[in-house]
Amino acid sequence: MFAKLKSMTILALCCVVCSIPVYPMDQPSGQMLGGSLNSPIRLEVFSDFQCPACRELYLNTIRQVLQEYSSKDKVCVIYHEYPLSIHQYAREAARYSEAASRLGQQKLLPVYETLFTDQAQWAQDGSLEATVSKALPKDDFLKLKQIMQDSSINAAIDKEVQLGELKEVKSTPTLFIYYVGKQQKVEGVVTYMVLKQFIDSIVK
């Protein structure tokens, strides 16, 4: 189900992506993890917190992109919630993430880190509250729990899922890369070295 890119060459990356005409988006939905809308490359990821391939992509690829490129405003990274029905706790994890996003990026990133890092534990026993509570100061966690009671949390996730369906997302992770008026769609895990070659070919 979760496709993997095994080649380390940019040619291999181009073989699994499809170029599609792009229509500008003034304000994309989703959670911005780094960079800005003025970055020359925008990377949007449809992801499920309980998906092992999504964990691999975030921890081994996206985290480095954030450090090396988003911090220099070269790549804007936006995540979209796309919890799969086959994963028992994915929807609830998405609710924690959506609530954390309303506390700001500085609170959101630690929640991403802990959800993906400790995935094996909470995916087994559903201990999401204990997992997320470790990522935030007590006062912020209490605010997050209060935000989660808002019905707009579920509505926001539903909107992201609908967007994914509109964009024909079939599995997670699925990436959309926007650059110089073009779009490329990639299904599955992309290694950091492959993505780095791709980014460096666009951003000198």
Protein backbone atom coordinates (compact mmCIF):
# COMPACT_ATOMS: atom_id res chain seq x y z
CA MET A 1 0.00 0.00 0.00
CA PHE A 2 2.75 2.40 0.86
CA ALA A 3 4.93 2.88 -2.21
CA LYS A 4 8.66 3.42 -1.69
CA LEU A 5 11.23 5.18 -3.84
CA LYS A 6 14.41 3.12 -3.75
CA SER A 7 16.59 4.90 -6.27
CA MET A 8 18.90 7.64 -5.12
CA THR A 9 18.87 9.56 -8.39
CA ILE A 10 16.81 12.53 -9.44
CA LEU A 11 15.96 10.69 -12.63
CA ALA A 12 14.17 8.02 -10.59
CA LEU A 13 12.18 10.69 -8.78
CA CYS A 14 11.04 12.16 -12.07
CA CYS A 15 9.89 8.72 -13.19
CA VAL A 16 7.33 8.41 -10.41
CA VAL A 17 5.95 11.92 -10.47
CA CYS A 18 3.45 13.36 -12.86
CA SER A 19 3.65 16.95 -14.02
CA ILE A 20 0.35 18.76 -13.81
CA PRO A 21 -0.54 22.36 -14.70
CA VAL A 22 -0.68 24.48 -11.56
CA TYR A 23 -3.19 27.15 -10.70
CA PRO A 24 -1.93 29.57 -8.03
CA MET A 25 -3.27 29.24 -4.50
CA ASP A 26 -3.20 32.44 -2.48
CA GLN A 27 -3.57 30.74 0.88
CA PRO A 28 -3.30 26.95 0.91
CA SER A 29 -5.02 25.10 3.73
CA GLY A 30 -3.16 22.77 6.04
CA GLN A 31 -0.50 23.22 8.71
CA MET A 32 2.61 25.18 7.78
CA LEU A 33 5.63 23.58 9.46
CA GLY A 34 8.31 25.82 8.00
CA GLY A 35 9.23 28.33 5.31
CA SER A 36 6.70 30.81 3.96
CA LEU A 37 4.30 31.17 1.05
CA ASN A 38 7.01 33.26 -0.63
CA SER A 39 9.44 30.31 -0.65
CA PRO A 40 10.39 29.27 -4.22
CA ILE A 41 9.28 25.68 -3.53
CA ARG A 42 6.15 24.58 -1.72
CA LEU A 43 5.96 21.00 -0.48
CA GLU A 44 2.53 19.78 0.59
CA VAL A 45 2.16 16.38 2.26
CA PHE A 46 -1.02 14.39 2.83
CA SER A 47 -0.19 12.33 5.89
CA ASP A 48 -1.58 9.95 8.52
CA PHE A 49 0.08 9.96 11.95
CA GLN A 50 -0.44 6.19 12.39
CA CYS A 51 1.06 5.37 8.98
CA PRO A 52 4.58 3.86 9.33
CA ALA A 53 5.65 5.26 5.95
CA CYS A 54 4.50 8.73 7.02
CA ARG A 55 6.62 8.39 10.15
CA GLU A 56 9.65 7.47 8.05
CA LEU A 57 9.09 10.38 5.68
CA TYR A 58 8.75 12.93 8.46
CA LEU A 59 11.59 11.76 10.70
CA ASN A 60 14.12 10.94 7.98
CA THR A 61 13.27 13.44 5.22
CA ILE A 62 10.95 16.29 6.15
CA ARG A 63 12.73 17.07 9.39
CA GLN A 64 15.97 17.64 7.47
CA VAL A 65 14.19 19.73 4.83
CA LEU A 66 12.86 21.95 7.61
CA GLN A 67 16.34 22.36 9.08
CA GLU A 68 18.28 22.86 5.84
CA TYR A 69 15.83 24.64 3.56
CA SER A 70 12.72 25.91 5.36
CA SER A 71 14.88 27.72 7.93
CA LYS A 72 16.38 29.66 4.99
CA ASP A 73 12.94 30.27 3.46
CA LYS A 74 13.73 28.10 0.43
CA VAL A 75 11.03 25.47 0.95
CA CYS A 76 7.58 25.95 2.43
CA VAL A 77 6.39 22.72 4.07
CA ILE A 78 2.64 22.27 4.57
CA TYR A 79 1.02 19.16 6.04
CA HIS A 80 -2.55 18.04 5.40
CA GLU A 81 -4.40 15.68 7.72
CA TYR A 82 -5.41 12.53 5.87
CA PRO A 83 -6.23 9.89 8.52
CA LEU A 84 -7.00 6.52 6.99
CA SER A 85 -9.99 4.53 8.22
CA ILE A 86 -7.83 1.40 8.59
CA HIS A 87 -5.88 3.08 11.41
CA GLN A 88 -7.78 3.02 14.70
CA TYR A 89 -6.19 6.08 16.31
CA ALA A 90 -5.25 8.17 13.25
CA ARG A 91 -8.29 10.43 13.45
CA GLU A 92 -7.76 11.23 17.12
CA ALA A 93 -4.07 11.94 16.46
CA ALA A 94 -5.15 14.33 13.70
CA ARG A 95 -7.43 16.07 16.20
CA TYR A 96 -4.50 16.65 18.55
CA SER A 97 -2.44 18.00 15.66
CA GLU A 98 -5.18 20.31 14.43
CA ALA A 99 -5.70 21.68 17.94
CA ALA A 100 -1.94 22.19 18.37
CA SER A 101 -1.80 24.13 15.12
CA ARG A 102 -4.09 26.71 16.69
CA LEU A 103 -1.51 27.30 19.40
CA GLY A 104 1.06 28.30 16.78
CA GLN A 105 3.91 26.69 14.89
CA GLN A 106 6.24 26.58 17.90
CA LYS A 107 3.72 24.40 19.76
CA LEU A 108 2.76 22.38 16.69
CA LEU A 109 6.22 21.09 15.79
CA PRO A 110 6.87 19.35 19.14
CA VAL A 111 3.50 17.61 18.78
CA TYR A 112 4.51 16.33 15.32
CA GLU A 113 7.80 15.13 16.73
CA THR A 114 6.27 13.17 19.58
CA LEU A 115 3.39 11.72 17.56
CA PHE A 116 5.74 10.32 14.94
CA THR A 117 8.58 9.38 17.29
CA ASP A 118 6.31 7.49 19.71
CA GLN A 119 4.00 6.11 17.02
CA ALA A 120 4.66 2.46 17.87
CA GLN A 121 3.46 2.95 21.45
CA TRP A 122 0.26 4.96 20.99
CA ALA A 123 -0.70 3.05 17.84
CA GLN A 124 -0.76 -0.06 20.02
CA ASP A 125 -2.53 1.20 23.12
CA GLY A 126 -4.14 4.49 22.11
CA SER A 127 -2.15 6.51 24.65
CA LEU A 128 -2.36 9.74 22.66
CA GLU A 129 -3.09 12.03 25.61
CA ALA A 130 -0.03 10.82 27.49
CA THR A 131 2.09 11.08 24.35
CA VAL A 132 1.10 14.63 23.45
CA SER A 133 1.23 15.86 27.04
CA LYS A 134 4.98 15.18 27.03
CA ALA A 135 5.47 17.59 24.13
CA LEU A 136 3.94 20.69 25.69
CA PRO A 137 4.09 22.66 28.94
CA LYS A 138 1.15 21.86 31.20
CA ASP A 139 -0.67 25.17 30.55
CA ASP A 140 -0.38 24.74 26.78
CA PHE A 141 -1.61 21.17 26.97
CA LEU A 142 -4.66 22.28 28.93
CA LYS A 143 -5.35 24.92 26.27
CA LEU A 144 -4.99 22.26 23.58
CA LYS A 145 -7.50 19.97 25.31
CA GLN A 146 -9.94 22.85 25.50
CA ILE A 147 -9.50 23.62 21.80
CA MET A 148 -10.17 19.98 20.95
CA GLN A 149 -13.72 20.37 22.25
CA ASP A 150 -14.46 22.82 19.44
CA SER A 151 -16.51 21.23 16.65
CA SER A 152 -14.44 23.12 14.10
CA ILE A 153 -11.56 20.68 14.76
CA ASN A 154 -13.43 17.80 13.13
CA ALA A 155 -14.69 20.10 10.39
CA ALA A 156 -11.13 21.15 9.54
CA ILE A 157 -9.99 17.54 9.28
CA ASP A 158 -12.98 16.66 7.10
CA LYS A 159 -12.08 19.55 4.82
CA GLU A 160 -8.50 18.28 4.47
CA VAL A 161 -9.72 14.77 3.66
CA GLN A 162 -12.06 16.19 1.02
CA LEU A 163 -9.17 18.14 -0.46
CA GLY A 164 -7.11 14.95 -0.63
CA GLU A 165 -9.93 13.13 -2.38
CA LEU A 166 -10.25 16.01 -4.84
CA LYS A 167 -6.53 15.74 -5.57
CA GLU A 168 -6.91 11.96 -5.98
CA VAL A 169 -4.78 10.99 -3.00
CA LYS A 170 -4.90 7.19 -2.87
CA SER A 171 -2.39 6.41 -0.11
CA THR A 172 -0.19 8.05 2.48
CA PRO A 173 2.15 9.75 2.33
CA THR A 174 1.41 11.62 -0.89
CA LEU A 175 3.46 14.72 -1.71
CA PHE A 176 2.72 17.61 -4.04
CA ILE A 177 5.71 19.76 -4.99
CA TYR A 178 4.97 23.22 -6.41
CA TYR A 179 7.76 25.15 -8.12
CA VAL A 180 8.16 27.70 -10.95
CA GLY A 181 4.58 27.25 -12.13
CA LYS A 182 4.69 23.47 -12.09
CA GLN A 183 3.44 20.68 -9.85
CA GLN A 184 4.73 17.19 -9.25
CA LYS A 185 2.92 14.46 -7.36
CA VAL A 186 4.89 11.78 -5.51
CA GLU A 187 3.37 8.76 -3.78
CA GLY A 188 5.32 7.07 -1.01
CA VAL A 189 8.50 7.73 0.91
CA VAL A 190 11.16 9.91 -0.66
CA THR A 191 14.64 9.78 0.87
CA TYR A 192 16.23 13.03 1.94
CA MET A 193 19.06 12.67 -0.60
CA VAL A 194 16.63 12.27 -3.50
CA LEU A 195 14.57 15.25 -2.38
CA LYS A 196 17.71 17.30 -1.75
CA GLN A 197 18.91 16.70 -5.31
CA PHE A 198 15.49 17.74 -6.58
CA ILE A 199 15.40 20.91 -4.46
CA ASP A 200 18.99 21.85 -5.34
CA SER A 201 18.18 21.54 -9.05
CA ILE A 202 15.57 24.29 -8.60
CA VAL A 203 16.94 26.44 -5.80
CA LYS A 204 20.53 27.39 -6.56
